[in-house]
Amino acid sequence: MPERLRFVHAMLRRSQIDTYADFIFLAEEWEGQPTNNETSKSDFAGWFDLDHLPENIAPYIRHIVENYRAGKFYSEFGLDAA
């Protein structure tokens, strides 16, 4: 339900292929299990405590989490690479 989502961060990032605008929302209540619909990019999906994230988390995801925890609502990732 959209009313149960809270905006927490926006990020502009560049990959080797394209530039993306990511908008991150916090779901404080959730029912069900996450589903991995991009098996070519990830081995699994799951719920993790922010203090116990998997070691192999994508660098841009770690960047989002660090900025969220610091209370920053906007960041950039990979824009210094041309």
N, C-alpha and C. Protein backbone atom coordinates (compact mmCIF):
# COMPACT_ATOMS: atom_id res chain seq x y z
N MET A 1 0.83 -1.17 0.00
CA MET A 1 0.00 0.00 0.00
C MET A 1 0.88 1.24 0.00
N PRO A 2 0.66 2.15 -0.92
CA PRO A 2 1.49 3.36 -1.02
C PRO A 2 1.53 4.19 0.26
N GLU A 3 0.45 4.22 1.03
CA GLU A 3 0.44 5.03 2.25
C GLU A 3 1.35 4.47 3.32
N ARG A 4 1.81 3.24 3.15
CA ARG A 4 2.73 2.64 4.12
C ARG A 4 4.20 2.79 3.70
N LEU A 5 4.43 3.51 2.61
CA LEU A 5 5.79 3.75 2.14
C LEU A 5 6.20 5.17 2.49
N ARG A 6 7.49 5.31 2.85
CA ARG A 6 8.02 6.62 3.19
C ARG A 6 9.28 6.86 2.37
N PHE A 7 9.30 7.97 1.60
CA PHE A 7 10.48 8.32 0.81
C PHE A 7 11.65 8.58 1.75
N VAL A 8 12.83 7.98 1.44
CA VAL A 8 13.99 8.19 2.29
C VAL A 8 15.23 8.66 1.53
N HIS A 9 15.29 8.44 0.20
CA HIS A 9 16.52 8.81 -0.50
C HIS A 9 16.31 8.81 -2.01
N ALA A 10 17.02 9.72 -2.68
CA ALA A 10 17.09 9.74 -4.14
C ALA A 10 18.56 9.72 -4.52
N MET A 11 18.89 8.98 -5.58
CA MET A 11 20.28 8.88 -6.00
C MET A 11 20.37 8.93 -7.52
N LEU A 12 21.30 9.72 -8.01
CA LEU A 12 21.63 9.73 -9.43
C LEU A 12 22.90 8.91 -9.56
N ARG A 13 22.87 7.89 -10.42
CA ARG A 13 24.05 7.03 -10.56
C ARG A 13 24.30 6.69 -12.01
N ARG A 14 25.57 6.48 -12.30
CA ARG A 14 25.97 6.09 -13.64
C ARG A 14 26.62 4.71 -13.57
N SER A 15 26.19 3.85 -14.48
CA SER A 15 26.81 2.54 -14.62
C SER A 15 27.65 2.56 -15.90
N GLN A 16 28.20 1.45 -16.26
CA GLN A 16 28.95 1.36 -17.51
C GLN A 16 28.03 1.50 -18.72
N ILE A 17 26.74 1.30 -18.52
CA ILE A 17 25.78 1.29 -19.62
C ILE A 17 24.96 2.57 -19.71
N ASP A 18 24.50 3.11 -18.58
CA ASP A 18 23.53 4.19 -18.61
C ASP A 18 23.58 5.00 -17.31
N THR A 19 22.75 6.04 -17.25
CA THR A 19 22.58 6.84 -16.05
C THR A 19 21.18 6.61 -15.51
N TYR A 20 21.05 6.46 -14.19
CA TYR A 20 19.78 6.12 -13.55
C TYR A 20 19.44 7.12 -12.46
N ALA A 21 18.17 7.31 -12.23
CA ALA A 21 17.66 8.03 -11.07
C ALA A 21 16.94 7.01 -10.21
N ASP A 22 17.45 6.76 -9.01
CA ASP A 22 16.86 5.79 -8.09
C ASP A 22 16.13 6.53 -6.99
N PHE A 23 14.92 6.09 -6.68
CA PHE A 23 14.12 6.66 -5.60
C PHE A 23 13.86 5.55 -4.60
N ILE A 24 14.29 5.76 -3.36
CA ILE A 24 14.27 4.72 -2.33
C ILE A 24 13.16 5.03 -1.32
N PHE A 25 12.34 4.02 -1.04
CA PHE A 25 11.26 4.16 -0.08
C PHE A 25 11.43 3.12 1.01
N LEU A 26 11.03 3.46 2.20
CA LEU A 26 11.07 2.56 3.34
C LEU A 26 9.68 1.98 3.57
N ALA A 27 9.60 0.67 3.62
CA ALA A 27 8.35 -0.02 3.96
C ALA A 27 8.48 -0.48 5.40
N GLU A 28 7.75 0.15 6.30
CA GLU A 28 7.84 -0.22 7.71
C GLU A 28 6.98 -1.41 8.06
N GLU A 29 6.04 -1.74 7.18
CA GLU A 29 5.21 -2.94 7.35
C GLU A 29 5.19 -3.67 6.02
N TRP A 30 5.28 -5.00 6.09
CA TRP A 30 5.28 -5.77 4.86
C TRP A 30 4.78 -7.17 5.15
N GLU A 31 4.04 -7.72 4.21
CA GLU A 31 3.60 -9.11 4.31
C GLU A 31 4.17 -9.86 3.12
N GLY A 32 4.58 -11.09 3.36
CA GLY A 32 5.10 -11.92 2.28
C GLY A 32 6.61 -11.91 2.21
N GLN A 33 7.13 -12.60 1.23
CA GLN A 33 8.57 -12.73 1.03
C GLN A 33 8.99 -11.99 -0.24
N PRO A 34 10.17 -11.37 -0.23
CA PRO A 34 10.66 -10.72 -1.45
C PRO A 34 10.97 -11.77 -2.51
N THR A 35 10.85 -11.37 -3.76
CA THR A 35 11.09 -12.26 -4.88
C THR A 35 12.24 -11.73 -5.73
N ASN A 36 13.13 -12.58 -6.12
CA ASN A 36 14.25 -12.20 -6.97
C ASN A 36 13.82 -12.39 -8.43
N ASN A 37 13.52 -11.28 -9.10
CA ASN A 37 13.11 -11.34 -10.51
C ASN A 37 14.26 -11.06 -11.46
N GLU A 38 15.46 -10.86 -10.93
CA GLU A 38 16.64 -10.64 -11.75
C GLU A 38 17.73 -11.63 -11.35
N THR A 39 17.49 -12.89 -11.61
CA THR A 39 18.42 -13.93 -11.18
C THR A 39 19.78 -13.83 -11.87
N SER A 40 19.86 -13.12 -12.99
CA SER A 40 21.16 -12.93 -13.64
C SER A 40 22.01 -11.89 -12.90
N LYS A 41 21.37 -11.09 -12.03
CA LYS A 41 22.08 -10.05 -11.29
C LYS A 41 22.28 -10.38 -9.82
N SER A 42 21.49 -11.31 -9.29
CA SER A 42 21.54 -11.58 -7.85
C SER A 42 21.21 -13.04 -7.59
N ASP A 43 21.83 -13.58 -6.55
CA ASP A 43 21.58 -14.98 -6.19
C ASP A 43 20.26 -15.16 -5.44
N PHE A 44 19.85 -14.15 -4.65
CA PHE A 44 18.65 -14.30 -3.84
C PHE A 44 18.15 -12.93 -3.40
N ALA A 45 16.95 -12.91 -2.87
CA ALA A 45 16.38 -11.71 -2.27
C ALA A 45 15.95 -12.07 -0.85
N GLY A 46 16.02 -11.11 0.05
CA GLY A 46 15.63 -11.39 1.43
C GLY A 46 15.55 -10.13 2.24
N TRP A 47 15.07 -10.26 3.47
CA TRP A 47 15.01 -9.15 4.41
C TRP A 47 16.25 -9.22 5.28
N PHE A 48 16.93 -8.08 5.45
CA PHE A 48 18.15 -8.04 6.25
C PHE A 48 18.13 -6.84 7.18
N ASP A 49 18.63 -7.03 8.37
CA ASP A 49 18.84 -5.93 9.30
C ASP A 49 19.97 -5.07 8.74
N LEU A 50 19.86 -3.75 8.85
CA LEU A 50 20.89 -2.87 8.32
C LEU A 50 22.25 -3.10 8.96
N ASP A 51 22.28 -3.64 10.16
CA ASP A 51 23.55 -3.94 10.81
C ASP A 51 24.11 -5.31 10.42
N HIS A 52 23.36 -6.06 9.61
CA HIS A 52 23.80 -7.41 9.22
C HIS A 52 23.51 -7.66 7.74
N LEU A 53 24.00 -6.77 6.89
CA LEU A 53 23.81 -6.93 5.45
C LEU A 53 24.77 -7.98 4.90
N PRO A 54 24.41 -8.63 3.80
CA PRO A 54 25.33 -9.60 3.19
C PRO A 54 26.64 -8.92 2.77
N GLU A 55 27.71 -9.65 2.78
CA GLU A 55 29.02 -9.12 2.39
C GLU A 55 29.05 -8.73 0.92
N ASN A 56 28.36 -9.47 0.07
CA ASN A 56 28.44 -9.26 -1.37
C ASN A 56 27.38 -8.29 -1.91
N ILE A 57 26.95 -7.35 -1.09
CA ILE A 57 25.95 -6.38 -1.52
C ILE A 57 26.58 -5.46 -2.60
N ALA A 58 25.79 -5.06 -3.58
CA ALA A 58 26.27 -4.19 -4.65
C ALA A 58 26.76 -2.87 -4.07
N PRO A 59 27.88 -2.33 -4.58
CA PRO A 59 28.43 -1.09 -4.03
C PRO A 59 27.43 0.07 -4.01
N TYR A 60 26.61 0.21 -5.04
CA TYR A 60 25.67 1.33 -5.03
C TYR A 60 24.57 1.13 -4.00
N ILE A 61 24.22 -0.11 -3.69
CA ILE A 61 23.24 -0.36 -2.64
C ILE A 61 23.84 -0.02 -1.27
N ARG A 62 25.10 -0.40 -1.05
CA ARG A 62 25.78 -0.05 0.19
C ARG A 62 25.83 1.48 0.34
N HIS A 63 26.08 2.18 -0.77
CA HIS A 63 26.11 3.65 -0.78
C HIS A 63 24.75 4.22 -0.34
N ILE A 64 23.67 3.66 -0.86
CA ILE A 64 22.32 4.10 -0.49
C ILE A 64 22.10 3.90 1.01
N VAL A 65 22.44 2.72 1.52
CA VAL A 65 22.23 2.42 2.94
C VAL A 65 23.03 3.37 3.82
N GLU A 66 24.29 3.62 3.46
CA GLU A 66 25.12 4.53 4.25
C GLU A 66 24.52 5.93 4.28
N ASN A 67 24.04 6.41 3.13
CA ASN A 67 23.45 7.74 3.08
C ASN A 67 22.12 7.79 3.82
N TYR A 68 21.33 6.75 3.73
CA TYR A 68 20.07 6.68 4.48
C TYR A 68 20.35 6.77 5.98
N ARG A 69 21.32 5.99 6.43
CA ARG A 69 21.65 5.98 7.86
C ARG A 69 22.20 7.32 8.32
N ALA A 70 22.83 8.07 7.42
CA ALA A 70 23.37 9.39 7.75
C ALA A 70 22.30 10.49 7.64
N GLY A 71 21.09 10.12 7.24
CA GLY A 71 20.01 11.10 7.13
C GLY A 71 20.06 11.94 5.88
N LYS A 72 20.82 11.50 4.87
CA LYS A 72 20.93 12.25 3.62
C LYS A 72 19.83 11.79 2.66
N PHE A 73 19.15 12.75 2.08
CA PHE A 73 18.04 12.44 1.18
C PHE A 73 18.45 12.38 -0.29
N TYR A 74 19.68 12.79 -0.60
CA TYR A 74 20.15 12.76 -2.00
C TYR A 74 21.63 12.42 -2.03
N SER A 75 22.02 11.64 -3.06
CA SER A 75 23.43 11.37 -3.28
C SER A 75 23.65 11.03 -4.76
N GLU A 76 24.94 10.95 -5.12
CA GLU A 76 25.33 10.57 -6.47
C GLU A 76 26.34 9.44 -6.36
N PHE A 77 26.34 8.57 -7.38
CA PHE A 77 27.24 7.42 -7.37
C PHE A 77 27.74 7.18 -8.78
N GLY A 78 29.05 7.14 -8.94
CA GLY A 78 29.65 6.83 -10.24
C GLY A 78 29.63 7.95 -11.25
N LEU A 79 29.28 9.15 -10.85
CA LEU A 79 29.20 10.25 -11.81
C LEU A 79 30.57 10.82 -12.14
N ASP A 80 31.56 10.53 -11.31
CA ASP A 80 32.90 11.03 -11.58
C ASP A 80 33.58 10.24 -12.71
N ALA A 81 33.02 9.06 -13.04
CA ALA A 81 33.57 8.25 -14.14
C ALA A 81 32.89 8.67 -15.43
N ALA A 82 33.69 8.99 -16.42
CA ALA A 82 33.13 9.43 -17.72
C ALA A 82 32.86 8.27 -18.62
